[in-house]
Amino acid sequence: MENDWILVYTGDKLYEAEILKEYLADHGIRSFVMNKQDSSYKFGDIELYTLSEDFMKAKYLIEKFKN
């Protein structure tokens, strides 16, 4: 089985992505945050990735968390 990582969330606040990462971990889903923001001007995206087999569950949990 390959470790295929899929983008599950994009935002502009690092703390939100870190909270979502911990929330997913609490539900048994591995994920990682990739910070693509410029370090000086803080523009760009913060991305959260999860394994392909966890994508649907992660997407559901993120939507549930945000509502």
Protein backbone atom coordinates (compact mmCIF):
# COMPACT_ATOMS: atom_id res chain seq x y z
CA MET A 1 0.00 0.00 0.00
CA GLU A 2 1.39 3.38 -0.99
CA ASN A 3 1.27 6.43 1.22
CA ASP A 4 -0.70 8.71 -1.07
CA TRP A 5 -1.18 12.07 0.62
CA ILE A 6 -4.14 14.20 -0.50
CA LEU A 7 -4.88 17.84 0.22
CA VAL A 8 -7.88 17.97 2.54
CA TYR A 9 -7.85 21.58 3.78
CA THR A 10 -6.45 24.94 2.68
CA GLY A 11 -6.52 28.11 4.75
CA ASP A 12 -4.52 31.16 5.70
CA LYS A 13 -4.17 30.65 9.46
CA LEU A 14 -1.53 28.25 10.74
CA TYR A 15 -3.24 27.83 14.10
CA GLU A 16 -6.47 26.61 12.41
CA ALA A 17 -4.59 23.96 10.44
CA GLU A 18 -2.77 22.82 13.59
CA ILE A 19 -6.05 22.56 15.51
CA LEU A 20 -7.58 20.53 12.66
CA LYS A 21 -4.51 18.29 12.58
CA GLU A 22 -4.92 17.54 16.29
CA TYR A 23 -8.69 17.04 15.85
CA LEU A 24 -8.05 14.49 13.10
CA ALA A 25 -5.40 12.76 15.24
CA ASP A 26 -7.97 12.44 18.04
CA HIS A 27 -10.07 10.47 15.53
CA GLY A 28 -7.21 8.23 14.43
CA ILE A 29 -6.33 10.07 11.21
CA ARG A 30 -2.72 10.89 10.40
CA SER A 31 -2.12 14.22 8.72
CA PHE A 32 0.51 16.88 8.28
CA VAL A 33 0.55 20.65 7.78
CA MET A 34 2.51 22.29 4.97
CA ASN A 35 3.10 26.01 5.43
CA LYS A 36 3.39 27.70 2.03
CA GLN A 37 3.13 31.24 3.39
CA ASP A 38 5.82 33.81 2.74
CA SER A 39 7.68 34.28 6.00
CA SER A 40 7.90 38.05 5.72
CA TYR A 41 4.52 39.10 4.35
CA LYS A 42 2.29 36.20 5.46
CA PHE A 43 0.54 35.66 2.13
CA GLY A 44 0.03 32.20 0.71
CA ASP A 45 -1.68 29.07 1.90
CA ILE A 46 -1.48 26.68 4.79
CA GLU A 47 -2.31 23.17 3.59
CA LEU A 48 -3.37 20.07 5.51
CA TYR A 49 -2.78 16.65 3.95
CA THR A 50 -4.08 13.23 4.89
CA LEU A 51 -3.69 9.73 3.50
CA SER A 52 -5.97 8.84 0.61
CA GLU A 53 -7.76 6.11 2.56
CA ASP A 54 -8.69 8.65 5.26
CA PHE A 55 -9.70 11.45 2.90
CA MET A 56 -13.50 11.07 3.09
CA LYS A 57 -13.54 10.66 6.87
CA ALA A 58 -11.17 13.62 7.29
CA LYS A 59 -13.25 15.82 4.99
CA TYR A 60 -16.39 14.91 6.94
CA LEU A 61 -14.74 15.62 10.31
CA ILE A 62 -13.37 18.97 9.12
CA GLU A 63 -16.82 20.05 7.90
CA LYS A 64 -18.35 18.90 11.19
CA PHE A 65 -15.70 20.79 13.16
CA LYS A 66 -16.21 24.02 11.22
CA ASN A 67 -20.00 23.98 11.66
